[in-house]
Protein backbone atom coordinates (compact mmCIF):
# COMPACT_ATOMS: atom_id res chain seq x y z
CA MET A 1 20.97 0.64 14.73
CA SER A 2 22.84 2.67 12.13
CA GLU A 3 22.62 -0.03 9.43
CA ARG A 4 18.91 -0.55 10.00
CA ASN A 5 18.39 3.20 10.07
CA GLU A 6 20.13 3.56 6.72
CA LYS A 7 18.03 0.78 5.21
CA ILE A 8 14.80 2.39 6.40
CA ILE A 9 15.88 5.80 5.08
CA ALA A 10 16.66 4.27 1.67
CA LEU A 11 13.27 2.51 1.64
CA LEU A 12 11.33 5.66 2.54
CA ARG A 13 13.11 7.70 -0.10
CA ARG A 14 11.87 5.25 -2.74
CA ARG A 15 8.27 5.08 -1.54
CA GLN A 16 5.80 5.86 -4.34
CA THR A 17 2.95 7.93 -2.93
CA ASP A 18 0.97 8.33 -6.16
CA ILE A 19 0.34 4.67 -6.97
CA THR A 20 -1.81 2.29 -4.94
CA VAL A 21 -3.90 -0.87 -5.09
CA PHE A 22 -7.63 -1.01 -4.34
CA MET A 23 -8.92 -4.48 -3.38
CA ASP A 24 -12.63 -4.85 -4.15
CA GLU A 25 -13.87 -7.67 -1.90
CA VAL A 26 -10.71 -9.76 -2.05
CA HIS A 27 -11.29 -12.04 0.93
CA LYS A 28 -8.84 -14.94 1.05
CA PRO A 29 -6.19 -14.22 3.69
CA HIS A 30 -3.26 -15.53 1.65
CA ASN A 31 -4.22 -13.31 -1.30
CA LEU A 32 -4.59 -10.24 0.88
CA ALA A 33 -1.20 -10.86 2.46
CA ALA A 34 0.46 -11.58 -0.89
CA ILE A 35 -0.86 -8.36 -2.47
CA VAL A 36 0.35 -6.31 0.49
CA ARG A 37 3.79 -7.95 0.32
CA THR A 38 4.05 -7.18 -3.38
CA CYS A 39 3.10 -3.57 -2.74
CA ASP A 40 5.89 -3.28 -0.20
CA ALA A 41 8.31 -4.88 -2.65
CA VAL A 42 7.60 -2.30 -5.37
CA GLY A 43 7.63 0.66 -2.97
CA ILE A 44 3.91 1.21 -2.35
CA GLY A 45 3.18 2.26 1.21
CA ASP A 46 -0.62 2.57 1.20
CA VAL A 47 -3.32 0.27 -0.13
CA HIS A 48 -7.12 0.35 0.02
CA ALA A 49 -9.80 -2.27 0.49
CA VAL A 50 -13.53 -2.88 0.64
CA TYR A 51 -14.08 -6.23 2.34
CA PRO A 52 -17.10 -8.51 1.89
CA LYS A 53 -19.84 -7.92 4.44
CA GLY A 54 -19.25 -9.83 7.65
CA MET A 55 -15.55 -10.41 6.97
CA LEU A 56 -14.04 -7.05 7.91
CA ARG A 57 -12.41 -8.13 11.17
CA GLU A 58 -10.89 -11.34 9.80
CA CYS A 59 -9.60 -9.78 6.60
CA HIS A 60 -8.23 -6.65 8.20
CA GLY A 61 -6.42 -8.69 10.83
CA THR A 62 -4.78 -10.85 8.21
CA SER A 63 -3.82 -7.88 6.09
CA MET A 64 -2.34 -6.10 9.06
CA GLY A 65 -0.25 -9.17 9.87
CA SER A 66 1.88 -8.46 6.80
CA ASN A 67 1.26 -4.76 7.05
CA ARG A 68 3.97 -3.37 9.28
CA TRP A 69 5.48 -1.61 6.27
CA VAL A 70 2.26 -0.99 4.30
CA LYS A 71 -0.89 0.68 5.63
CA THR A 72 -4.25 -0.76 4.58
CA HIS A 73 -7.09 1.77 4.46
CA THR A 74 -10.49 0.07 4.75
CA HIS A 75 -13.69 1.57 3.35
CA ASP A 76 -17.38 0.77 3.69
CA ASP A 77 -18.00 0.86 -0.05
CA LEU A 78 -16.49 1.76 -3.40
CA ASN A 79 -17.80 5.31 -3.45
CA GLN A 80 -16.25 6.08 -0.07
CA GLY A 81 -12.90 4.60 -1.04
CA LEU A 82 -12.47 5.08 -4.76
CA LEU A 83 -14.00 8.49 -5.46
CA PRO A 84 -11.48 10.41 -3.29
CA LEU A 85 -8.62 8.68 -5.14
CA LYS A 86 -10.13 9.63 -8.49
CA SER A 87 -10.56 13.22 -7.27
CA GLN A 88 -6.80 13.32 -6.62
CA GLY A 89 -6.24 12.82 -10.35
CA LYS A 90 -5.30 9.15 -10.22
CA GLN A 91 -6.16 6.96 -13.19
CA VAL A 92 -8.16 3.92 -12.09
CA LEU A 93 -7.19 0.71 -13.88
CA ALA A 94 -9.45 -2.29 -13.34
CA ALA A 95 -7.91 -5.71 -13.88
CA HIS A 96 -10.99 -6.83 -15.78
CA PHE A 97 -11.74 -8.74 -18.97
CA SER A 98 -14.11 -6.73 -21.13
CA GLU A 99 -14.53 -5.48 -24.68
CA ARG A 100 -12.60 -2.34 -23.85
CA ALA A 101 -9.78 -4.07 -21.99
CA VAL A 102 -6.24 -3.40 -23.24
CA ASP A 103 -2.92 -5.17 -22.72
CA PHE A 104 -1.65 -4.13 -19.27
CA ARG A 105 1.75 -3.29 -20.79
CA SER A 106 0.25 -0.55 -22.97
CA ILE A 107 -0.60 1.63 -19.95
CA ASP A 108 1.57 4.50 -18.68
CA TYR A 109 2.12 3.67 -15.01
CA THR A 110 4.28 6.71 -14.40
CA LYS A 111 1.00 8.58 -14.03
CA PRO A 112 -0.75 8.63 -10.64
CA THR A 113 -2.48 5.26 -10.62
CA VAL A 114 -4.95 3.05 -8.76
CA LEU A 115 -4.86 -0.64 -9.65
CA LEU A 116 -8.34 -2.03 -8.93
CA VAL A 117 -8.57 -5.79 -8.39
CA GLY A 118 -11.62 -7.89 -7.58
CA SER A 119 -12.74 -10.92 -5.65
CA GLU A 120 -11.30 -14.36 -6.24
CA LYS A 121 -14.55 -15.88 -7.56
CA PHE A 122 -16.23 -13.03 -9.42
CA GLY A 123 -13.43 -10.58 -10.20
CA VAL A 124 -14.07 -6.85 -10.31
CA SER A 125 -17.72 -5.99 -9.71
CA GLN A 126 -19.71 -4.25 -12.45
CA GLU A 127 -19.94 -1.16 -10.26
CA ALA A 128 -16.16 -1.06 -9.91
CA ALA A 129 -15.65 -1.73 -13.62
CA ASP A 130 -17.93 1.19 -14.46
CA MET A 131 -15.92 3.49 -12.20
CA ALA A 132 -12.59 2.57 -13.83
CA ASP A 133 -10.93 4.76 -16.44
CA GLU A 134 -9.37 1.76 -18.19
CA HIS A 135 -9.68 -2.03 -18.11
CA VAL A 136 -6.45 -3.99 -18.36
CA LEU A 137 -5.80 -7.65 -19.02
CA ILE A 138 -2.84 -10.00 -18.97
CA PRO A 139 -2.58 -11.95 -22.26
CA MET A 140 -3.12 -15.68 -21.71
CA LEU A 141 -1.75 -18.23 -24.19
CA GLY A 142 -2.85 -21.43 -22.46
CA MET A 143 -6.14 -23.16 -21.71
CA VAL A 144 -6.57 -21.33 -18.39
CA GLN A 145 -8.02 -17.87 -18.97
CA SER A 146 -7.43 -16.25 -15.57
CA LEU A 147 -4.75 -15.88 -12.94
CA ASN A 148 -4.94 -15.81 -9.16
CA VAL A 149 -5.69 -12.23 -8.06
CA SER A 150 -2.44 -11.88 -6.13
CA VAL A 151 -0.41 -13.22 -9.07
CA ALA A 152 -2.14 -10.89 -11.52
CA SER A 153 -1.58 -7.96 -9.18
CA ALA A 154 2.13 -8.78 -8.93
CA ILE A 155 2.58 -9.00 -12.70
CA ILE A 156 0.93 -5.62 -13.26
CA LEU A 157 2.70 -3.94 -10.35
CA TYR A 158 6.11 -5.06 -11.55
CA GLU A 159 5.40 -3.56 -14.95
CA ALA A 160 4.55 -0.34 -13.11
CA GLN A 161 7.78 -0.65 -11.12
CA ARG A 162 9.79 -1.18 -14.31
CA GLN A 163 8.35 1.91 -15.99
CA ARG A 164 8.84 4.05 -12.91
CA GLU A 165 12.42 2.87 -12.51
CA VAL A 166 13.21 3.81 -16.11
CA ALA A 167 11.58 7.21 -15.58
CA GLY A 168 13.72 7.86 -12.50
CA LEU A 169 10.76 8.12 -10.12
CA TYR A 170 12.49 5.98 -7.49
CA GLN A 171 15.30 8.51 -7.35
CA GLN A 172 12.91 11.30 -6.32
CA GLN A 173 11.63 11.37 -2.74
CA GLN A 174 7.84 11.57 -2.88
CA ILE A 175 6.94 11.12 0.77
CA ASP A 176 6.68 14.35 2.76
CA ASP A 177 9.25 15.06 5.49
CA GLU A 178 6.81 14.80 8.40
CA THR A 179 5.57 11.36 7.34
CA PHE A 180 9.14 10.32 6.56
CA GLU A 181 10.32 11.06 10.10
CA ARG A 182 7.24 9.55 11.73
CA LEU A 183 7.64 6.27 9.88
CA ARG A 184 11.40 6.21 10.44
CA PHE A 185 10.77 6.43 14.17
CA GLU A 186 7.92 3.90 14.22
CA TRP A 187 9.89 1.32 12.24
CA LEU A 188 13.06 1.79 14.27
CA HIS A 189 11.36 1.82 17.68
CA PRO A 190 8.08 -0.15 17.50
CA HIS A 191 7.93 -0.82 21.25
CA VAL A 192 8.48 2.83 22.11
CA LYS A 193 5.85 3.74 19.55
CA ASP A 194 3.38 1.39 21.26
CA PHE A 195 4.22 2.95 24.64
CA CYS A 196 3.55 6.45 23.30
CA VAL A 197 0.24 5.42 21.76
CA LYS A 198 -0.86 3.62 24.93
CA HIS A 199 -0.13 6.64 27.13
CA ASN A 200 -1.09 9.27 24.56
CA ILE A 201 2.26 11.07 24.62
CA ARG A 202 4.40 12.43 21.82
CA TYR A 203 7.12 10.47 20.11
CA PRO A 204 10.68 11.23 21.25
CA PHE A 205 13.11 12.91 18.91
CA ILE A 206 15.68 10.69 17.20
CA ASP A 207 19.01 11.71 15.73
CA GLU A 208 20.40 11.07 12.27
CA TYR A 209 21.53 7.60 13.33
CA GLY A 210 18.07 6.67 14.56
CA ASP A 211 18.92 6.83 18.27
CA ILE A 212 16.57 8.49 20.76
CA ARG A 213 18.06 11.81 21.89
CA ASP A 214 15.34 13.44 23.97
CA GLU A 215 15.98 14.03 27.69
CA LYS A 216 12.58 15.64 28.26
CA TRP A 217 10.85 12.61 26.78
CA HIS A 218 12.88 10.26 29.03
CA GLN A 219 11.79 12.31 32.02
CA LEU A 220 8.18 12.08 30.91
CA ARG A 221 8.44 8.31 30.48
CA ASN A 222 9.99 7.92 33.91
CA THR A 223 7.15 9.91 35.43
CA ILE A 224 4.62 7.56 33.80
CA ASN A 225 6.51 4.43 34.81
CA ASN A 226 6.75 5.62 38.42
C-alpha cells in the first residue's frame, strides 16, 4: 500500500487545476476515451463536455470507463459549461481553422486555459468558435488538412505540458488539501468508497501510508453489516 500511496501522492501534487479540455459534441467513444487518457497523462484532473442530443448516456458511460483518474463534467449546452470557465479567468482556445487562427505553439499555456475541441465531422461549432478568445491550428505539410480530434488534442496538450514543465508549474501543488485527501482515499480504497456512498456514511480517516486508521468508522461499518 505504501508504494501505491506514494505514487498517488506524487500524481496529485502535479495535478494542474487551471487547465482543462472542453469537448463540444465529440461523440465517438474511442475519441472520448483517448482525450481523457491524454488529460490524465499531462496532469489534468477535470474535463468538460457537451454531448450530441440523444447520446448523453452512451458517451458519458464510455468516458467514465477511462475516467477513474479524471472527472468528466457534462453540460446541457455551451453557455452552461463554458461561460463559468471564462468567468474564472481562463483563456478559451478553440482548435479551429479560421482567418484568425494562430500556430498552437505561439500560445502561452502557462495561463489558465480551456482547450475547446469539436465534433469529429464538423469540428468546433460556430457558436463555440465565437465564444473562444483565440483559434489555434496545427500546421499541416501534407495533403491531409486535418487530424483526428483526439490526436490534435494530444499534440496541443503536450505543448501545454512542455511549457508548464519549463515554468515549474508541476513542482507547485495546485489542488487544495481537502480535495487532495478525498481523492487519495478514493483511489486507494475504491471498494470502501463505494460502501460509504451506498450507505451514505463518511469516509474513514487514513494515515500517511494510506492505511485506514479509524476505529469509530470500523464500528459504524460493523453496525451496518450486522
